[in-house]
N, C-alpha and C. Protein backbone atom coordinates (compact mmCIF):
# COMPACT_ATOMS: atom_id res chain seq x y z
N MET A 1 0.85 -1.19 0.00
CA MET A 1 0.00 0.00 0.00
C MET A 1 0.89 1.25 0.00
N THR A 2 0.53 2.23 -0.75
CA THR A 2 1.27 3.49 -0.77
C THR A 2 0.40 4.61 -0.22
N VAL A 3 1.08 5.64 0.26
CA VAL A 3 0.40 6.79 0.85
C VAL A 3 0.89 8.04 0.14
N VAL A 4 -0.05 8.86 -0.32
CA VAL A 4 0.29 10.10 -1.02
C VAL A 4 0.20 11.26 -0.03
N VAL A 5 1.29 12.04 0.04
CA VAL A 5 1.34 13.20 0.92
C VAL A 5 1.67 14.41 0.05
N ASN A 6 0.76 15.36 0.05
CA ASN A 6 0.87 16.55 -0.78
C ASN A 6 1.47 17.70 0.05
N PRO A 7 2.63 18.23 -0.35
CA PRO A 7 3.21 19.35 0.40
C PRO A 7 2.44 20.64 0.17
N LEU A 8 2.77 21.65 0.94
CA LEU A 8 2.13 22.96 0.80
C LEU A 8 2.28 23.51 -0.62
N HIS A 9 3.45 23.31 -1.19
CA HIS A 9 3.74 23.82 -2.52
C HIS A 9 4.92 23.05 -3.09
N GLY A 10 5.17 23.19 -4.36
CA GLY A 10 6.26 22.47 -5.01
C GLY A 10 7.61 23.15 -4.87
N TYR A 11 7.60 24.43 -4.54
CA TYR A 11 8.85 25.18 -4.45
C TYR A 11 9.66 24.75 -3.22
N TYR A 12 10.96 24.63 -3.40
CA TYR A 12 11.86 24.40 -2.28
C TYR A 12 13.21 25.01 -2.61
N ARG A 13 13.98 25.31 -1.57
CA ARG A 13 15.33 25.86 -1.75
C ARG A 13 16.34 24.74 -1.54
N PRO A 14 17.15 24.45 -2.53
CA PRO A 14 18.11 23.35 -2.40
C PRO A 14 19.04 23.48 -1.20
N ASP A 15 19.51 24.70 -0.90
CA ASP A 15 20.41 24.86 0.24
C ASP A 15 19.69 24.57 1.56
N HIS A 16 18.45 24.99 1.66
CA HIS A 16 17.68 24.70 2.87
C HIS A 16 17.35 23.22 2.96
N LEU A 17 17.05 22.59 1.83
CA LEU A 17 16.77 21.16 1.82
C LEU A 17 17.99 20.39 2.32
N GLN A 18 19.18 20.79 1.91
CA GLN A 18 20.40 20.12 2.37
C GLN A 18 20.53 20.23 3.89
N HIS A 19 20.29 21.42 4.41
CA HIS A 19 20.34 21.64 5.86
C HIS A 19 19.31 20.77 6.59
N VAL A 20 18.08 20.77 6.09
CA VAL A 20 17.00 19.99 6.72
C VAL A 20 17.33 18.50 6.66
N THR A 21 17.89 18.04 5.56
CA THR A 21 18.25 16.62 5.42
C THR A 21 19.32 16.24 6.44
N GLU A 22 20.31 17.09 6.62
CA GLU A 22 21.36 16.81 7.61
C GLU A 22 20.77 16.75 9.02
N GLU A 23 19.87 17.69 9.33
CA GLU A 23 19.23 17.68 10.64
C GLU A 23 18.37 16.44 10.84
N MET A 24 17.67 16.03 9.80
CA MET A 24 16.78 14.87 9.91
C MET A 24 17.57 13.58 10.10
N ARG A 25 18.77 13.52 9.54
CA ARG A 25 19.62 12.35 9.78
C ARG A 25 19.89 12.20 11.28
N ARG A 26 20.00 13.32 11.95
CA ARG A 26 20.30 13.33 13.38
C ARG A 26 19.03 13.16 14.23
N LEU A 27 17.95 13.82 13.83
CA LEU A 27 16.74 13.89 14.65
C LEU A 27 15.69 12.82 14.35
N GLY A 28 15.75 12.23 13.17
CA GLY A 28 14.77 11.22 12.80
C GLY A 28 13.63 11.80 11.98
N PRO A 29 12.56 11.03 11.80
CA PRO A 29 11.47 11.42 10.90
C PRO A 29 10.73 12.67 11.37
N PRO A 30 10.16 13.39 10.41
CA PRO A 30 9.42 14.61 10.75
C PRO A 30 8.03 14.30 11.28
N VAL A 31 7.54 15.20 12.12
CA VAL A 31 6.16 15.16 12.60
C VAL A 31 5.48 16.37 11.98
N LEU A 32 4.45 16.12 11.19
CA LEU A 32 3.80 17.18 10.41
C LEU A 32 2.29 17.16 10.59
N ARG A 33 1.70 18.34 10.65
CA ARG A 33 0.24 18.44 10.65
C ARG A 33 -0.25 18.27 9.21
N ALA A 34 -1.29 17.46 9.04
CA ALA A 34 -1.82 17.21 7.70
C ALA A 34 -3.31 16.93 7.77
N CYS A 35 -3.99 17.24 6.69
CA CYS A 35 -5.44 17.02 6.56
C CYS A 35 -5.68 15.80 5.67
N TRP A 36 -6.47 14.87 6.14
CA TRP A 36 -6.82 13.70 5.32
C TRP A 36 -7.96 14.08 4.39
N ASP A 37 -7.78 13.82 3.10
CA ASP A 37 -8.77 14.08 2.08
C ASP A 37 -9.28 12.72 1.60
N ALA A 38 -10.33 12.22 2.23
CA ALA A 38 -10.83 10.88 1.95
C ALA A 38 -11.30 10.73 0.51
N ALA A 39 -11.91 11.77 -0.04
CA ALA A 39 -12.42 11.68 -1.41
C ALA A 39 -11.30 11.47 -2.43
N ALA A 40 -10.13 12.07 -2.16
CA ALA A 40 -9.00 11.95 -3.08
C ALA A 40 -7.99 10.90 -2.62
N GLY A 41 -8.09 10.47 -1.36
CA GLY A 41 -7.12 9.51 -0.84
C GLY A 41 -5.74 10.11 -0.67
N ILE A 42 -5.70 11.37 -0.25
CA ILE A 42 -4.45 12.13 -0.15
C ILE A 42 -4.37 12.81 1.20
N TRP A 43 -3.18 12.87 1.76
CA TRP A 43 -2.90 13.73 2.91
C TRP A 43 -2.38 15.05 2.38
N HIS A 44 -2.96 16.15 2.81
CA HIS A 44 -2.48 17.49 2.44
C HIS A 44 -1.72 18.04 3.64
N ALA A 45 -0.41 18.18 3.49
CA ALA A 45 0.42 18.67 4.59
C ALA A 45 0.18 20.16 4.80
N ARG A 46 0.08 20.55 6.04
CA ARG A 46 -0.10 21.96 6.38
C ARG A 46 1.25 22.65 6.59
N GLU A 47 2.32 21.88 6.58
CA GLU A 47 3.66 22.39 6.85
C GLU A 47 4.67 21.39 6.32
N GLY A 48 5.94 21.78 6.29
CA GLY A 48 7.02 20.82 6.09
C GLY A 48 7.37 20.46 4.67
N THR A 49 7.29 21.40 3.74
CA THR A 49 7.66 21.10 2.36
C THR A 49 9.06 20.50 2.27
N HIS A 50 10.02 21.11 2.95
CA HIS A 50 11.39 20.62 2.92
C HIS A 50 11.53 19.32 3.71
N ARG A 51 10.84 19.22 4.84
CA ARG A 51 10.92 18.01 5.65
C ARG A 51 10.36 16.79 4.92
N LEU A 52 9.30 16.98 4.15
CA LEU A 52 8.77 15.85 3.37
C LEU A 52 9.78 15.38 2.33
N ARG A 53 10.40 16.31 1.62
CA ARG A 53 11.41 15.94 0.63
C ARG A 53 12.59 15.22 1.28
N ALA A 54 13.02 15.72 2.42
CA ALA A 54 14.14 15.09 3.12
C ALA A 54 13.78 13.69 3.59
N ALA A 55 12.58 13.53 4.15
CA ALA A 55 12.15 12.20 4.60
C ALA A 55 12.12 11.23 3.44
N LYS A 56 11.61 11.66 2.31
CA LYS A 56 11.56 10.80 1.13
C LYS A 56 12.96 10.40 0.70
N ALA A 57 13.88 11.36 0.65
CA ALA A 57 15.25 11.09 0.22
C ALA A 57 15.97 10.13 1.18
N LEU A 58 15.66 10.25 2.47
CA LEU A 58 16.31 9.42 3.48
C LEU A 58 15.59 8.10 3.74
N GLY A 59 14.44 7.90 3.12
CA GLY A 59 13.68 6.67 3.34
C GLY A 59 13.01 6.60 4.70
N LEU A 60 12.73 7.76 5.29
CA LEU A 60 12.09 7.82 6.61
C LEU A 60 10.57 7.82 6.48
N VAL A 61 9.91 7.36 7.51
CA VAL A 61 8.44 7.31 7.56
C VAL A 61 7.95 8.57 8.27
N PRO A 62 7.29 9.48 7.54
CA PRO A 62 6.78 10.69 8.20
C PRO A 62 5.68 10.36 9.21
N VAL A 63 5.60 11.17 10.24
CA VAL A 63 4.55 11.04 11.24
C VAL A 63 3.56 12.18 10.99
N LEU A 64 2.31 11.82 10.72
CA LEU A 64 1.29 12.82 10.42
C LEU A 64 0.32 12.95 11.58
N VAL A 65 0.06 14.19 11.95
CA VAL A 65 -0.91 14.50 12.99
C VAL A 65 -2.13 15.10 12.28
N PRO A 66 -3.27 14.40 12.30
CA PRO A 66 -4.44 14.89 11.59
C PRO A 66 -4.97 16.20 12.16
N VAL A 67 -5.24 17.13 11.27
CA VAL A 67 -5.88 18.40 11.61
C VAL A 67 -7.00 18.62 10.60
N PRO A 68 -8.00 19.42 10.96
CA PRO A 68 -9.11 19.65 10.03
C PRO A 68 -8.72 20.58 8.89
N TRP A 69 -9.42 20.41 7.79
CA TRP A 69 -9.27 21.32 6.65
C TRP A 69 -10.01 22.61 7.00
N ARG A 70 -9.33 23.72 7.00
CA ARG A 70 -9.95 24.99 7.40
C ARG A 70 -10.08 25.97 6.24
N ARG A 71 -9.78 25.52 5.06
CA ARG A 71 -9.88 26.40 3.90
C ARG A 71 -11.13 26.05 3.11
N SER A 72 -11.35 26.76 2.04
CA SER A 72 -12.57 26.60 1.25
C SER A 72 -12.55 25.30 0.45
N PRO A 73 -13.74 24.85 0.00
CA PRO A 73 -13.79 23.70 -0.90
C PRO A 73 -13.00 23.95 -2.20
N ALA A 74 -13.00 25.18 -2.68
CA ALA A 74 -12.23 25.50 -3.89
C ALA A 74 -10.73 25.33 -3.64
N ALA A 75 -10.27 25.71 -2.45
CA ALA A 75 -8.86 25.53 -2.11
C ALA A 75 -8.50 24.05 -2.04
N ARG A 76 -9.42 23.24 -1.54
CA ARG A 76 -9.17 21.79 -1.50
C ARG A 76 -9.05 21.24 -2.92
N GLU A 77 -9.90 21.71 -3.81
CA GLU A 77 -9.84 21.25 -5.19
C GLU A 77 -8.51 21.66 -5.84
N ARG A 78 -8.05 22.87 -5.57
CA ARG A 78 -6.74 23.31 -6.08
C ARG A 78 -5.61 22.45 -5.51
N ALA A 79 -5.72 22.10 -4.23
CA ALA A 79 -4.70 21.24 -3.61
C ALA A 79 -4.68 19.86 -4.27
N ARG A 80 -5.84 19.35 -4.62
CA ARG A 80 -5.89 18.05 -5.31
C ARG A 80 -5.19 18.12 -6.66
N HIS A 81 -5.40 19.20 -7.39
CA HIS A 81 -4.74 19.36 -8.68
C HIS A 81 -3.24 19.51 -8.51
N ALA A 82 -2.81 20.26 -7.50
CA ALA A 82 -1.38 20.45 -7.24
C ALA A 82 -0.72 19.13 -6.86
N ALA A 83 -1.46 18.26 -6.19
CA ALA A 83 -0.90 16.97 -5.77
C ALA A 83 -0.43 16.13 -6.95
N VAL A 84 -1.06 16.29 -8.09
CA VAL A 84 -0.65 15.54 -9.28
C VAL A 84 0.80 15.86 -9.63
N ARG A 85 1.20 17.12 -9.42
CA ARG A 85 2.57 17.54 -9.76
C ARG A 85 3.55 17.44 -8.61
N HIS A 86 3.09 17.65 -7.38
CA HIS A 86 4.02 17.86 -6.28
C HIS A 86 3.99 16.81 -5.17
N ALA A 87 3.02 15.94 -5.15
CA ALA A 87 2.88 15.02 -4.03
C ALA A 87 4.02 13.99 -3.99
N HIS A 88 4.29 13.51 -2.79
CA HIS A 88 5.29 12.47 -2.57
C HIS A 88 4.56 11.18 -2.21
N VAL A 89 5.07 10.08 -2.71
CA VAL A 89 4.48 8.79 -2.42
C VAL A 89 5.41 8.05 -1.45
N PHE A 90 4.85 7.65 -0.33
CA PHE A 90 5.59 6.90 0.68
C PHE A 90 5.02 5.49 0.77
N ASP A 91 5.85 4.54 1.14
CA ASP A 91 5.37 3.18 1.36
C ASP A 91 4.38 3.14 2.52
N ARG A 92 4.64 4.02 3.50
CA ARG A 92 3.73 4.11 4.64
C ARG A 92 4.01 5.41 5.39
N VAL A 93 3.06 5.79 6.22
CA VAL A 93 3.22 6.91 7.15
C VAL A 93 2.69 6.42 8.50
N GLU A 94 3.10 7.12 9.55
CA GLU A 94 2.49 6.88 10.85
C GLU A 94 1.51 8.02 11.10
N VAL A 95 0.36 7.69 11.67
CA VAL A 95 -0.64 8.70 11.98
C VAL A 95 -0.79 8.71 13.50
N HIS A 96 -0.54 9.87 14.09
CA HIS A 96 -0.66 10.03 15.54
C HIS A 96 -1.79 11.00 15.83
N HIS A 97 -2.82 10.52 16.46
CA HIS A 97 -3.94 11.37 16.86
C HIS A 97 -3.62 11.98 18.23
N VAL A 98 -3.87 13.28 18.35
CA VAL A 98 -3.62 13.93 19.64
C VAL A 98 -4.92 14.30 20.30
């Protein structure tokens, strides 16, 4: 089973990604707030564009903390379209409910 996690946006800074990757090697997988989109079968990350890329590169399992979608239905539809270009596919994620 694969899990699709859509970052906030596709843009990232390579120098910052390198720094985040080095930190993640030391600290372990990222913990990120994300909204589950059941209709699309996608997690939309509310944060962590660089951390998601670093986790993918390092083969780490991201930890997702579910939060509600607080934006408009139109924004959710735009996020679904963006996921086609920018989403990361992981073998699995951990979901921690708080």
